[in-house]
Each structure stands twice: as structure tokens, then as C-alpha cells.
């Protein structure tokens, strides 16, 4: 750099980072529904002043959905940097390792049956009607068609 003098800026401790973030976005965030999201966003900045300043300035006075999207993007970026998520074929898709996928499904199921249908399967691999009545989640990866009828009264989509 062509600077006459360099000033080293270290990483801020958690309390310092939150104070700096909060000072930029405004004290109102502490008394709003944004507090849990704001604290997570501040944590994801890793105590780096430039990251805190950039994100806090961007998010100031933004509606909650913008905050939620920023947090989601930070989490995805963190997972990609940790090699837990991989870039997909487009910007709208990402891949994950099988182990991470299995853990995510385990957390999502919370003791409820989850049927996992992968590309290598076909429609003949669907469980019987009795089993499907208990499934509340079905993961279909790379499927181009589904059965004509699904008898899954507890079904929610992932």
C-alpha cells in the first residue's frame, strides 16, 4: 500500500464487537425482534471490524427479511469455507457431503420417519402405504417424477 503509516487493527472480543455493531445499527435493535438475528450476524463477522462495519451499515434500517437473508448467506458462506457445503451447478443450488446430509436429515426428523429417495432409486423403491402414513418428511433428490398418489397425512416439505 502507499500509506505513510500502517495501523494494525486486531480482532475485537465478543463484547467489543457487539458494542461496535450495535452502535452502527442503532440501539433500537436490542429492544426489537431483530435481536437474535443481529447477535448471530455480529458473531458471524468473527470480530473483524471491517466486516462488522460493512454488514452493520448495510443492515441498518432494513426490514427483518433482509437481516434473515444476510444471516443465511453468512451461514452458507461459513459452511462452504469449512468444506461442509460445496458449490452446485448454479448460484441457486449447493451440494453437501453425504455425511452432512445424513446429519441434517437426522436433525430434521427428530424421531419422526424420513424417507430418503436418491437419484439411484426409482418409483418402485417407495415404502408401503402403512410406512408412508408415518412419514412426515420425504427427501427427493434428482427425481423427475413422483407417484400418482401420496398417502402421507403428516407430510411436510423440506
Protein backbone atom coordinates (compact mmCIF):
# COMPACT_ATOMS: atom_id res chain seq x y z
CA UNK A 1 0.00 0.00 0.00
CA UNK A 2 1.05 3.59 -0.49
CA UNK A 3 0.05 4.58 3.04
CA UNK A 4 2.50 6.69 5.03
CA UNK A 5 1.68 4.84 8.23
CA UNK A 6 0.03 1.49 8.89
CA UNK A 7 -2.21 0.95 11.88
CA UNK A 8 -2.74 -2.68 12.84
CA UNK A 9 -6.35 -3.45 13.74
CA UNK A 10 -6.83 -6.63 15.71
CA UNK A 11 -9.86 -8.83 16.12
CA UNK A 12 -12.45 -7.48 18.55
CA UNK A 13 -13.60 -9.50 21.53
CA UNK A 14 -17.25 -10.58 21.51
CA UNK A 15 -18.48 -7.74 23.76
CA UNK A 16 -16.49 -5.12 21.85
CA UNK A 17 -17.71 -6.48 18.51
CA UNK A 18 -21.35 -6.39 19.65
CA UNK A 19 -20.97 -2.85 21.00
CA UNK A 20 -19.43 -1.68 17.69
CA UNK A 21 -22.12 -3.45 15.63
CA UNK A 22 -24.92 -2.11 17.85
CA UNK A 23 -23.52 1.44 17.71
CA UNK A 24 -23.75 1.40 13.91
CA UNK A 25 -27.19 -0.21 13.52
CA UNK A 26 -28.67 1.76 16.42
CA UNK A 27 -29.71 0.87 19.94
CA UNK A 28 -33.25 0.08 18.81
CA UNK A 29 -32.18 -3.37 17.65
CA UNK A 30 -31.69 -4.50 21.27
CA UNK A 31 -35.36 -3.96 22.05
CA UNK A 32 -36.72 -5.41 18.81
CA UNK A 33 -37.45 -8.83 17.36
CA UNK A 34 -34.19 -8.48 15.42
CA UNK A 35 -32.01 -9.03 18.49
CA UNK A 36 -31.42 -12.80 18.00
CA UNK A 37 -30.64 -12.32 14.30
CA UNK A 38 -28.47 -9.25 14.98
CA UNK A 39 -26.37 -11.08 17.58
CA UNK A 40 -25.83 -14.00 15.20
CA UNK A 41 -24.85 -11.68 12.34
CA UNK A 42 -22.40 -9.89 14.65
CA UNK A 43 -20.91 -13.24 15.73
CA UNK A 44 -20.51 -14.37 12.11
CA UNK A 45 -18.33 -11.30 11.49
CA UNK A 46 -15.69 -13.01 13.61
CA UNK A 47 -14.67 -9.84 15.43
CA UNK A 48 -13.33 -8.30 12.22
CA UNK A 49 -14.02 -4.54 12.36
CA UNK A 50 -14.28 -4.13 8.57
CA UNK A 51 -16.82 -6.98 8.34
CA UNK A 52 -18.81 -5.57 11.26
CA UNK A 53 -18.81 -2.08 9.79
CA UNK A 54 -19.81 -3.27 6.32
CA UNK A 55 -22.66 -5.52 7.45
CA UNK A 56 -23.99 -3.19 10.15
CA UNK A 57 -24.06 -0.26 7.72
CA UNK A 58 -25.82 -2.38 5.11
CA UNK A 59 -28.42 -3.77 7.54
CA UNK A 60 -29.19 -0.53 9.35
CA UNK A 61 -32.91 0.33 8.94
CA UNK A 62 -33.55 -2.75 6.80
CA UNK A 63 -36.63 -4.95 7.35
CA UNK A 64 -36.30 -8.32 9.13
CA UNK A 65 -36.31 -10.41 5.93
CA UNK A 66 -33.10 -8.65 4.78
CA UNK A 67 -31.44 -9.45 8.11
CA UNK A 68 -32.58 -13.09 7.88
CA UNK A 69 -31.25 -13.39 4.34
CA UNK A 70 -27.90 -11.88 5.33
CA UNK A 71 -27.58 -14.35 8.20
CA UNK A 72 -28.49 -17.26 5.92
CA UNK A 73 -25.87 -16.17 3.38
CA UNK A 74 -23.24 -15.80 6.09
CA UNK A 75 -24.01 -19.29 7.38
CA UNK A 76 -23.83 -20.79 3.89
CA UNK A 77 -20.53 -18.98 3.26
CA UNK A 78 -19.16 -20.29 6.56
CA UNK A 79 -20.23 -23.85 5.72
CA UNK A 80 -18.65 -23.57 2.27
CA UNK A 81 -15.41 -22.25 3.77
CA UNK A 82 -15.43 -25.26 6.13
CA UNK A 83 -15.98 -27.57 3.14
CA UNK A 84 -19.28 -28.79 4.60
CA UNK A 85 -21.18 -27.39 1.62
CA UNK A 86 -19.96 -27.42 -1.95
CA UNK A 87 -20.81 -25.13 -4.85
CA UNK A 88 -23.56 -26.53 -7.01
CA UNK A 89 -24.12 -26.25 -10.73
CA UNK A 90 -25.87 -22.84 -10.36
CA UNK A 91 -25.98 -19.99 -7.84
CA UNK A 92 -29.32 -21.31 -6.59
CA UNK A 93 -28.05 -24.80 -5.79
CA UNK A 94 -25.39 -26.15 -3.49
CA UNK A 95 -24.22 -29.67 -2.77
CA UNK A 96 -23.39 -31.20 0.57
CA UNK A 97 -21.35 -34.19 1.59
CA UNK A 98 -23.35 -37.34 2.31
CA UNK A 99 -22.35 -37.25 5.97
CA UNK A 100 -23.61 -33.67 6.37
CA UNK A 101 -26.80 -34.60 4.51
CA UNK A 102 -27.37 -37.53 6.88
CA UNK A 103 -26.84 -35.32 9.94
CA UNK A 104 -29.21 -32.67 8.56
CA UNK A 105 -31.90 -35.31 7.92
CA UNK A 106 -31.38 -36.74 11.40
CA UNK A 107 -31.87 -33.31 12.95
CA UNK A 108 -34.88 -32.60 10.73
CA UNK A 109 -36.57 -35.88 11.55
CA UNK A 110 -36.30 -35.58 15.36
CA UNK A 111 -37.51 -39.14 15.79
CA UNK A 112 -40.11 -39.00 13.02
CA UNK A 113 -39.63 -41.17 9.94
CA UNK A 114 -37.99 -39.52 6.94
CA UNK A 115 -37.97 -41.32 3.61
CA UNK A 116 -34.90 -40.54 1.52
CA UNK A 117 -35.17 -41.11 -2.21
CA UNK A 118 -31.95 -40.56 -4.17
CA UNK A 119 -31.24 -40.48 -7.92
CA UNK A 120 -30.30 -44.15 -7.99
CA UNK A 121 -33.77 -45.16 -6.83
CA UNK A 122 -36.91 -45.34 -8.86
CA UNK A 123 -40.59 -45.28 -8.03
CA UNK A 124 -40.56 -48.99 -7.16
CA UNK A 125 -38.46 -48.18 -4.07
CA UNK A 126 -41.26 -46.32 -2.27
CA UNK A 127 -42.23 -47.89 1.07
CA UNK A 128 -45.63 -49.47 1.59
CA UNK A 129 -48.70 -47.36 2.41
CA UNK A 130 -48.53 -48.13 6.14
CA UNK A 131 -44.95 -46.86 6.41
CA UNK A 132 -45.74 -43.79 4.33
CA UNK A 133 -48.60 -42.83 6.68
CA UNK A 134 -46.00 -42.32 9.41
CA UNK A 135 -43.52 -40.34 7.29
CA UNK A 136 -43.71 -36.63 7.84
CA UNK A 137 -40.79 -35.76 5.55
CA UNK A 138 -39.66 -37.08 2.18
CA UNK A 139 -36.35 -36.08 0.63
CA UNK A 140 -36.41 -36.39 -3.18
CA UNK A 141 -33.09 -35.60 -4.79
CA UNK A 142 -32.92 -35.56 -8.56
CA UNK A 143 -36.37 -37.06 -9.04
CA UNK A 144 -38.20 -36.12 -12.19
CA UNK A 145 -41.48 -37.82 -11.24
CA UNK A 146 -43.42 -38.82 -8.14
CA UNK A 147 -46.08 -41.50 -7.59
CA UNK A 148 -49.61 -40.64 -8.68
CA UNK A 149 -50.82 -40.65 -5.08
CA UNK A 150 -49.06 -39.98 -1.82
CA UNK A 151 -50.84 -41.26 1.27
CA UNK A 152 -48.87 -39.21 3.78
CA UNK A 153 -51.20 -37.28 6.07
CA UNK A 154 -48.28 -35.97 8.18
CA UNK A 155 -46.15 -34.85 5.22
CA UNK A 156 -44.25 -31.54 5.24
CA UNK A 157 -41.75 -30.49 2.58
CA UNK A 158 -38.05 -29.81 3.18
